Amino acid sequence: MQQCRAVLVVGALLPLVVLAACGGAEAESGSGAARPYRVGVADRGEIRVQVEETGVVEPERQVVVKSPISGVVSALSAREGDRVRPGQALARIVPDIAQANAFAGIARDIAAAEIARGNAEREYGRARELARDGGITQAELDARRVAFEQADNQLRAARSQLRLVERSGVRGGGGDRWAAIAAPTAGVIIRRGVEEGETVVGGTSAFGGGTELFTIADLSALRVKAAINEVDVGKVKVGDSVALTVDAFPGDTVAGVVRLVPPAARQQERVRVFDVEIRAAGAGGILRPGMTANVRIAGPSRTGVLRVPVEAVLIEDGKPVVYRVGPGGAHRTPVTLGLGDLAHVEVLSGVAAGDSVALEDPAAAAERAANPARR
């Protein structure tokens, strides 16, 4: 009785908890001996599923700017953090020797095509005059006409190639050409990949896809990609509310919503995960691309359900069981489970409200009590 009185002194502060503990101790053993395992109670309450993970903040839309030609960066007019508008000048690239030779080749092709077309046009004109006087046959006239049309087509093709080069941003003429790099869209430069004097590879090159000069992002719309374990992905659906926090601003929370649950998983460190996309609603300036965000997804919830502590559920032979505690000891009871959160699991069948349940395997607890050295 001295031990029970000591508990009742503490019970002055927590009467309900302590009285239940004291009564439980008496109910567990008529002789006053305590059971070697902890005991909980099946009750009715709320199950609120939450999935917690970390993710990476990304812009919804970002554009990588590359040079249309290979060469050397001769000028830069923008840096990280600058807000740019479409068409704003970003850099100038001077072509390297190979690229300059290619431009010179286009110029030579155009000049040669112009000469060939002029000659073919004159020959065709003379042939038509001769044909009127019967000086040449119709077949010879047709041959002159075909030669002129071919020369004209070659000139058109050479000029079209020059127009494509100029449309890509190449300016100047003759041997003095350069590429004017302009912003293709409005946004903020979040990365600049080059400095003045560096050599770059054109974006049309087959070697690595070209040098990335700038990355422009729209920071008004951000998203978070979180790798959700395959065990938890069934608790997440499109439209679920999400709370986003970052360590840099621990007191601020950004609301989000699940926008995409991908249909297929990927392998990550021997675990299958799903890259769930979360749209951040009003980042408020605390979310920035590249940050690690703490993700808390609010899944399904139910109130007034029969539940037991998660520690009470054991898996034996691949099926969930609990050990109901009664006057005769702990009895193995198969159960059917529903929703579960971090603290409780919904029980659809097998126990009733008010049942006492063991919070660990009774046999293992008894073995530990009998062999203290194995604890």
Protein backbone atom coordinates (compact mmCIF):
# COMPACT_ATOMS: atom_id res chain seq x y z
CA MET A 1 0.00 0.00 0.00
CA GLN A 2 2.91 2.40 0.48
CA GLN A 3 3.66 2.17 -3.23
CA CYS A 4 0.03 2.99 -4.14
CA ARG A 5 -0.06 5.94 -1.68
CA ALA A 6 3.06 7.36 -3.33
CA VAL A 7 1.29 7.22 -6.67
CA LEU A 8 -1.77 8.97 -5.20
CA VAL A 9 0.40 11.90 -4.10
CA VAL A 10 1.37 12.44 -7.72
CA GLY A 11 -2.27 11.90 -8.57
CA ALA A 12 -3.08 15.23 -6.96
CA LEU A 13 -1.58 16.76 -10.09
CA LEU A 14 -2.79 14.23 -12.66
CA PRO A 15 -5.76 12.50 -11.02
CA LEU A 16 -7.26 10.80 -14.06
CA VAL A 17 -4.02 9.36 -15.40
CA VAL A 18 -2.71 8.20 -12.00
CA LEU A 19 -5.96 6.71 -10.79
CA ALA A 20 -6.20 4.74 -14.00
CA ALA A 21 -2.62 3.57 -13.59
CA CYS A 22 -3.15 2.59 -9.96
CA GLY A 23 -6.42 0.82 -10.73
CA GLY A 24 -4.77 -0.90 -13.67
CA ALA A 25 -1.96 -2.13 -11.49
CA GLU A 26 -4.44 -3.66 -9.10
CA ALA A 27 -6.42 -5.18 -11.93
CA GLU A 28 -3.38 -6.69 -13.54
CA SER A 29 -2.56 -8.95 -10.63
CA GLY A 30 -4.58 -9.94 -7.61
CA SER A 31 -1.36 -10.63 -5.74
CA GLY A 32 -0.01 -7.15 -6.52
CA ALA A 33 2.74 -8.40 -8.87
CA ALA A 34 3.17 -6.15 -11.89
CA ARG A 35 3.02 -7.55 -15.42
CA PRO A 36 6.29 -7.46 -17.37
CA TYR A 37 4.66 -5.60 -20.30
CA ARG A 38 2.99 -2.24 -20.67
CA VAL A 39 -0.77 -2.06 -21.08
CA GLY A 40 -2.93 0.32 -23.11
CA VAL A 41 -6.64 0.71 -23.76
CA ALA A 42 -8.76 0.54 -26.89
CA ASP A 43 -10.84 3.72 -27.09
CA ARG A 44 -12.75 5.89 -29.52
CA GLY A 45 -11.16 8.98 -30.95
CA GLU A 46 -9.71 10.62 -34.02
CA ILE A 47 -7.36 9.18 -36.62
CA ARG A 48 -5.59 11.90 -38.58
CA VAL A 49 -3.17 10.61 -41.19
CA GLN A 50 -0.12 12.76 -41.91
CA VAL A 51 2.80 12.01 -44.19
CA GLU A 52 6.02 13.83 -43.39
CA GLU A 53 8.96 14.05 -45.77
CA THR A 54 11.44 16.54 -47.17
CA GLY A 55 11.51 17.92 -50.68
CA VAL A 56 13.33 20.36 -52.93
CA VAL A 57 11.91 23.74 -53.94
CA GLU A 58 11.82 24.27 -57.70
CA PRO A 59 10.37 26.91 -60.02
CA GLU A 60 7.27 25.84 -61.89
CA ARG A 61 8.83 27.18 -65.05
CA GLN A 62 12.46 27.81 -65.86
CA VAL A 63 14.34 28.30 -69.12
CA VAL A 64 17.97 27.45 -69.81
CA VAL A 65 19.63 29.90 -72.22
CA LYS A 66 22.39 28.62 -74.52
CA SER A 67 24.45 30.16 -77.30
CA PRO A 68 23.51 29.35 -80.90
CA ILE A 69 27.21 29.27 -81.82
CA SER A 70 30.48 28.10 -80.31
CA GLY A 71 32.92 30.81 -79.36
CA VAL A 72 34.16 33.08 -76.59
CA VAL A 73 32.08 35.22 -74.20
CA SER A 74 33.09 38.77 -75.05
CA ALA A 75 30.50 40.60 -72.89
CA LEU A 76 28.01 39.87 -70.09
CA SER A 77 25.24 42.25 -69.12
CA ALA A 78 23.30 40.25 -66.49
CA ARG A 79 24.02 38.27 -63.33
CA GLU A 80 22.22 36.15 -60.71
CA GLY A 81 19.28 37.89 -59.11
CA ASP A 82 18.61 40.24 -62.03
CA ARG A 83 15.01 40.46 -63.21
CA VAL A 84 14.90 40.43 -67.00
CA ARG A 85 12.26 41.04 -69.65
CA PRO A 86 11.85 39.24 -72.99
CA GLY A 87 14.42 40.37 -75.54
CA GLN A 88 16.75 41.97 -72.98
CA ALA A 89 20.44 41.63 -73.87
CA LEU A 90 22.31 39.14 -71.72
CA ALA A 91 25.63 38.42 -73.44
CA ARG A 92 27.67 38.57 -76.64
CA ILE A 93 29.54 35.58 -78.08
CA VAL A 94 32.36 35.97 -80.60
CA PRO A 95 32.58 32.90 -82.86
CA ASP A 96 35.60 30.63 -82.70
CA ILE A 97 37.70 29.75 -85.77
CA ALA A 98 35.54 26.80 -86.80
CA GLN A 99 32.36 28.80 -86.43
CA ALA A 100 33.86 31.79 -88.29
CA ASN A 101 34.86 29.47 -91.13
CA ALA A 102 31.31 28.14 -91.24
CA PHE A 103 29.94 31.70 -91.59
CA ALA A 104 32.52 32.43 -94.28
CA GLY A 105 31.42 29.26 -96.05
CA ILE A 106 27.82 30.46 -96.07
CA ALA A 107 28.93 33.77 -97.55
CA ARG A 108 30.95 31.96 -100.23
CA ASP A 109 28.01 29.71 -101.06
CA ILE A 110 25.74 32.72 -101.49
CA ALA A 111 28.26 34.50 -103.71
CA ALA A 112 28.80 31.40 -105.84
CA ALA A 113 25.06 30.80 -106.12
CA GLU A 114 24.49 34.40 -107.23
CA ILE A 115 27.12 34.07 -109.96
CA ALA A 116 25.73 30.73 -111.13
CA ARG A 117 22.19 32.08 -111.22
CA GLY A 118 23.27 35.15 -113.18
CA ASN A 119 25.03 33.02 -115.79
CA ALA A 120 22.12 30.62 -116.02
CA GLU A 121 19.69 33.52 -116.39
CA ARG A 122 21.70 35.01 -119.27
CA GLU A 123 22.01 31.65 -121.01
CA TYR A 124 18.28 31.09 -120.71
CA GLY A 125 17.59 34.57 -122.10
CA ARG A 126 19.78 33.98 -125.17
CA ALA A 127 18.20 30.57 -125.66
CA ARG A 128 14.74 32.06 -125.79
CA GLU A 129 15.85 34.59 -128.48
CA LEU A 130 17.39 31.80 -130.55
CA ALA A 131 14.31 29.65 -130.15
CA ARG A 132 12.13 32.40 -131.64
CA ASP A 133 14.27 32.37 -134.82
CA GLY A 134 14.50 28.58 -134.88
CA GLY A 135 18.21 28.66 -133.97
CA ILE A 136 17.87 25.94 -131.27
CA THR A 137 15.49 23.11 -130.64
CA GLN A 138 12.82 23.03 -127.97
CA ALA A 139 14.86 20.46 -126.04
CA GLU A 140 17.84 22.80 -125.89
CA LEU A 141 15.60 25.62 -124.66
CA ASP A 142 14.14 23.37 -121.96
CA ALA A 143 17.67 22.44 -120.82
CA ARG A 144 18.60 26.12 -120.43
CA ARG A 145 15.41 26.71 -118.45
CA VAL A 146 16.08 23.80 -116.11
CA ALA A 147 19.66 25.01 -115.53
CA PHE A 148 18.35 28.46 -114.62
CA GLU A 149 15.73 27.06 -112.19
CA GLN A 150 18.35 24.87 -110.47
CA ALA A 151 20.72 27.83 -110.03
CA ASP A 152 17.85 29.91 -108.64
CA ASN A 153 16.95 27.20 -106.15
CA GLN A 154 20.56 26.93 -104.98
CA LEU A 155 20.68 30.66 -104.34
CA ARG A 156 17.42 30.51 -102.38
CA ALA A 157 18.77 27.66 -100.24
CA ALA A 158 21.99 29.54 -99.46
CA ARG A 159 20.10 32.68 -98.49
CA SER A 160 17.69 30.63 -96.33
CA GLN A 161 20.64 29.20 -94.42
CA LEU A 162 21.89 32.72 -93.74
CA ARG A 163 18.45 33.79 -92.53
CA LEU A 164 18.35 30.87 -90.10
CA VAL A 165 21.73 31.90 -88.69
CA GLU A 166 20.60 35.51 -88.30
CA ARG A 167 17.30 34.46 -86.73
CA SER A 168 19.25 32.56 -84.04
CA GLY A 169 20.83 35.82 -82.92
CA VAL A 170 23.94 36.11 -85.05
CA ARG A 171 24.63 39.70 -86.05
CA GLY A 172 27.12 41.54 -88.26
CA GLY A 173 28.37 40.79 -91.73
CA GLY A 174 31.38 39.54 -93.61
CA GLY A 175 34.10 38.43 -91.23
CA ASP A 176 32.74 40.44 -88.29
CA ARG A 177 29.91 38.41 -86.80
CA TRP A 178 28.81 37.70 -83.26
CA ALA A 179 25.88 36.14 -81.40
CA ALA A 180 23.67 38.47 -79.37
CA ILE A 181 22.18 36.45 -76.49
CA ALA A 182 18.79 37.81 -75.40
CA ALA A 183 16.34 36.73 -72.70
CA PRO A 184 13.67 34.48 -74.25
CA THR A 185 11.21 35.11 -71.42
CA ALA A 186 10.59 37.28 -68.39
CA GLY A 187 11.83 36.14 -64.98
CA VAL A 188 14.75 36.18 -62.58
CA ILE A 189 18.20 34.84 -63.38
CA ILE A 190 18.83 32.14 -60.79
CA ARG A 191 22.07 30.89 -62.31
CA ARG A 192 24.81 32.26 -64.55
CA GLY A 193 27.09 29.55 -65.82
CA VAL A 194 29.87 31.53 -67.53
CA GLU A 195 32.19 34.49 -67.11
CA GLU A 196 33.72 36.84 -69.64
CA GLY A 197 36.53 35.23 -71.63
CA GLU A 198 35.24 31.67 -71.25
CA THR A 199 34.83 29.41 -74.26
CA VAL A 200 31.32 28.04 -74.82
CA VAL A 201 29.85 25.31 -77.00
CA GLY A 202 26.84 26.10 -79.13
CA GLY A 203 23.47 24.71 -78.13
CA THR A 204 23.09 22.97 -81.48
CA SER A 205 26.25 20.96 -80.89
CA ALA A 206 25.95 17.22 -80.44
CA PHE A 207 28.56 17.29 -77.68
CA GLY A 208 26.72 17.64 -74.35
CA GLY A 209 23.97 19.83 -75.72
CA GLY A 210 25.88 23.08 -75.42
CA THR A 211 27.05 25.31 -72.58
CA GLU A 212 24.35 26.64 -70.23
CA LEU A 213 24.81 30.40 -70.08
CA PHE A 214 21.85 31.43 -67.90
CA THR A 215 18.87 29.88 -66.16
CA ILE A 216 15.81 32.14 -65.98
CA ALA A 217 12.96 31.20 -63.63
CA ASP A 218 9.51 32.51 -62.83
CA LEU A 219 9.69 32.84 -59.04
CA SER A 220 6.02 33.77 -58.70
CA ALA A 221 5.07 30.08 -59.03
CA LEU A 222 7.09 27.52 -57.06
CA ARG A 223 6.68 23.82 -56.44
CA VAL A 224 8.18 21.23 -54.12
CA LYS A 225 9.08 17.71 -55.19
CA ALA A 226 9.00 15.25 -52.31
CA ALA A 227 10.12 11.62 -52.59
CA ILE A 228 7.31 9.74 -50.81
CA ASN A 229 8.03 6.17 -49.76
CA GLU A 230 5.92 3.54 -51.52
CA VAL A 231 4.56 2.50 -48.12
CA ASP A 232 3.01 5.95 -47.62
CA VAL A 233 1.99 6.89 -51.15
CA GLY A 234 -1.43 5.30 -50.68
CA LYS A 235 -2.15 7.95 -48.03
CA VAL A 236 -1.58 10.79 -50.49
CA LYS A 237 -3.92 11.99 -53.23
CA VAL A 238 -4.19 14.97 -55.54
CA GLY A 239 -5.76 17.92 -53.74
CA ASP A 240 -4.48 17.08 -50.24
CA SER A 241 -3.46 20.08 -48.15
CA VAL A 242 0.23 20.48 -47.39
CA ALA A 243 2.16 22.55 -44.83
CA LEU A 244 5.61 23.61 -46.02
CA THR A 245 8.39 24.94 -43.79
CA VAL A 246 12.09 25.64 -44.28
CA ASP A 247 14.82 25.67 -41.66
CA ALA A 248 15.83 29.22 -42.62
CA PHE A 249 12.42 30.54 -41.47
CA PRO A 250 11.26 28.11 -38.76
CA GLY A 251 8.35 30.28 -37.65
CA ASP A 252 6.75 30.59 -41.10
CA THR A 253 4.54 28.05 -42.84
CA VAL A 254 3.56 28.08 -46.50
CA ALA A 255 0.35 26.39 -47.59
CA GLY A 256 0.48 24.01 -50.51
CA VAL A 257 -1.60 21.42 -52.31
CA VAL A 258 -0.67 18.09 -53.87
CA ARG A 259 -0.77 18.56 -57.63
CA LEU A 260 0.60 15.26 -58.91
CA VAL A 261 1.06 11.75 -57.59
CA PRO A 262 3.08 10.02 -60.33
CA PRO A 263 1.84 6.67 -61.64
CA ALA A 264 5.28 5.04 -61.41
CA ALA A 265 7.95 4.83 -58.72
CA ARG A 266 11.70 5.17 -59.00
CA GLN A 267 14.56 3.56 -57.10
CA GLN A 268 16.29 5.69 -54.45
CA GLU A 269 18.88 4.07 -52.19
CA ARG A 270 17.20 0.62 -52.34
CA VAL A 271 13.79 2.14 -51.64
CA ARG A 272 10.95 2.72 -54.09
CA VAL A 273 9.71 6.32 -53.94
CA PHE A 274 7.19 8.48 -55.78
CA ASP A 275 8.15 12.07 -56.67
CA VAL A 276 5.01 13.84 -55.49
CA GLU A 277 4.65 17.41 -56.79
CA ILE A 278 3.27 20.06 -54.44
CA ARG A 279 2.25 23.52 -55.62
CA ALA A 280 3.14 26.25 -53.14
CA ALA A 281 0.36 28.82 -52.75
CA GLY A 282 1.86 32.24 -52.02
CA ALA A 283 5.43 31.44 -51.06
CA GLY A 284 5.67 34.78 -49.26
CA GLY A 285 9.35 35.14 -50.10
CA ILE A 286 10.56 32.36 -47.78
CA LEU A 287 10.74 29.62 -50.41
CA ARG A 288 13.62 29.85 -52.84
CA PRO A 289 14.76 27.46 -55.57
CA GLY A 290 17.13 24.81 -54.29
CA MET A 291 15.97 24.98 -50.67
CA THR A 292 15.09 21.84 -48.72
CA ALA A 293 11.48 22.08 -47.55
CA ASN A 294 9.87 20.12 -44.74
CA VAL A 295 6.67 18.63 -46.13
CA ARG A 296 3.66 17.65 -44.00
CA ILE A 297 0.80 16.26 -46.08
CA ALA A 298 -2.63 16.06 -44.42
CA GLY A 299 -4.14 12.76 -45.52
CA PRO A 300 -7.54 11.27 -44.69
CA SER A 301 -8.98 11.61 -41.18
CA ARG A 302 -11.85 10.04 -39.23
CA THR A 303 -13.43 10.85 -35.90
CA GLY A 304 -15.12 8.61 -33.34
CA VAL A 305 -13.40 5.46 -34.56
CA LEU A 306 -12.33 2.51 -32.44
CA ARG A 307 -8.55 2.67 -32.12
CA VAL A 308 -5.59 1.17 -30.28
CA PRO A 309 -2.06 2.48 -29.79
CA VAL A 310 0.25 1.59 -32.67
CA GLU A 311 2.49 -0.34 -30.25
CA ALA A 312 -0.36 -2.78 -29.59
CA VAL A 313 -0.46 -4.08 -33.18
CA LEU A 314 1.91 -6.94 -33.96
CA ILE A 315 2.35 -8.81 -37.24
CA GLU A 316 2.37 -12.57 -36.82
CA ASP A 317 2.32 -14.95 -39.78
CA GLY A 318 1.77 -11.92 -42.00
CA LYS A 319 -1.45 -10.90 -40.23
CA PRO A 320 -2.13 -8.16 -37.63
CA VAL A 321 -2.92 -9.24 -34.07
CA VAL A 322 -3.27 -7.64 -30.65
CA TYR A 323 -3.01 -9.21 -27.20
CA ARG A 324 -6.11 -8.46 -25.14
CA VAL A 325 -5.37 -8.36 -21.43
CA GLY A 326 -7.87 -9.93 -19.06
CA PRO A 327 -7.99 -11.70 -15.70
CA GLY A 328 -6.47 -14.80 -17.30
CA GLY A 329 -3.56 -12.94 -18.89
CA ALA A 330 -2.92 -11.76 -22.45
CA HIS A 331 -4.84 -13.45 -25.26
CA ARG A 332 -3.81 -13.33 -28.91
CA THR A 333 -6.60 -11.77 -30.98
CA PRO A 334 -6.60 -11.31 -34.78
CA VAL A 335 -7.81 -7.86 -35.83
CA THR A 336 -8.86 -6.02 -38.99
CA LEU A 337 -7.22 -2.62 -39.33
CA GLY A 338 -8.28 0.63 -40.98
CA LEU A 339 -6.53 3.97 -41.02
CA GLY A 340 -3.45 4.62 -38.95
CA ASP A 341 -1.46 7.65 -37.89
CA LEU A 342 1.73 8.05 -35.88
CA ALA A 343 0.01 7.27 -32.57
CA HIS A 344 -3.07 5.10 -33.17
CA VAL A 345 -4.49 2.52 -35.56
CA GLU A 346 -8.17 2.11 -36.38
CA VAL A 347 -9.53 -1.34 -35.54
CA LEU A 348 -12.51 -2.53 -37.58
CA SER A 349 -12.95 -5.85 -35.79
CA GLY A 350 -11.37 -7.93 -33.02
CA VAL A 351 -11.54 -5.63 -29.98
CA ALA A 352 -14.12 -3.45 -28.25
CA ALA A 353 -13.88 -0.04 -26.67
CA GLY A 354 -12.45 -0.29 -23.16
CA ASP A 355 -10.48 -3.48 -23.79
CA SER A 356 -7.00 -3.52 -22.29
CA VAL A 357 -4.28 -4.41 -24.78
CA ALA A 358 -0.59 -5.22 -24.38
CA LEU A 359 1.74 -2.61 -25.87
CA GLU A 360 4.40 -5.21 -26.68
CA ASP A 361 4.75 -8.93 -27.22
CA PRO A 362 3.87 -10.48 -23.79
CA ALA A 363 6.06 -13.56 -24.36
CA ALA A 364 9.10 -11.45 -25.26
CA ALA A 365 8.46 -9.14 -22.29
CA ALA A 366 8.21 -12.11 -19.92
CA GLU A 367 11.48 -13.54 -21.26
CA ARG A 368 13.25 -10.25 -20.70
CA ALA A 369 11.91 -10.05 -17.17
CA ALA A 370 13.10 -13.58 -16.42
CA ASN A 371 16.54 -12.94 -17.96
CA PRO A 372 17.60 -9.39 -17.09
CA ALA A 373 20.95 -9.91 -18.77
CA ARG A 374 19.20 -10.10 -22.20
CA ARG A 375 17.59 -6.70 -21.90
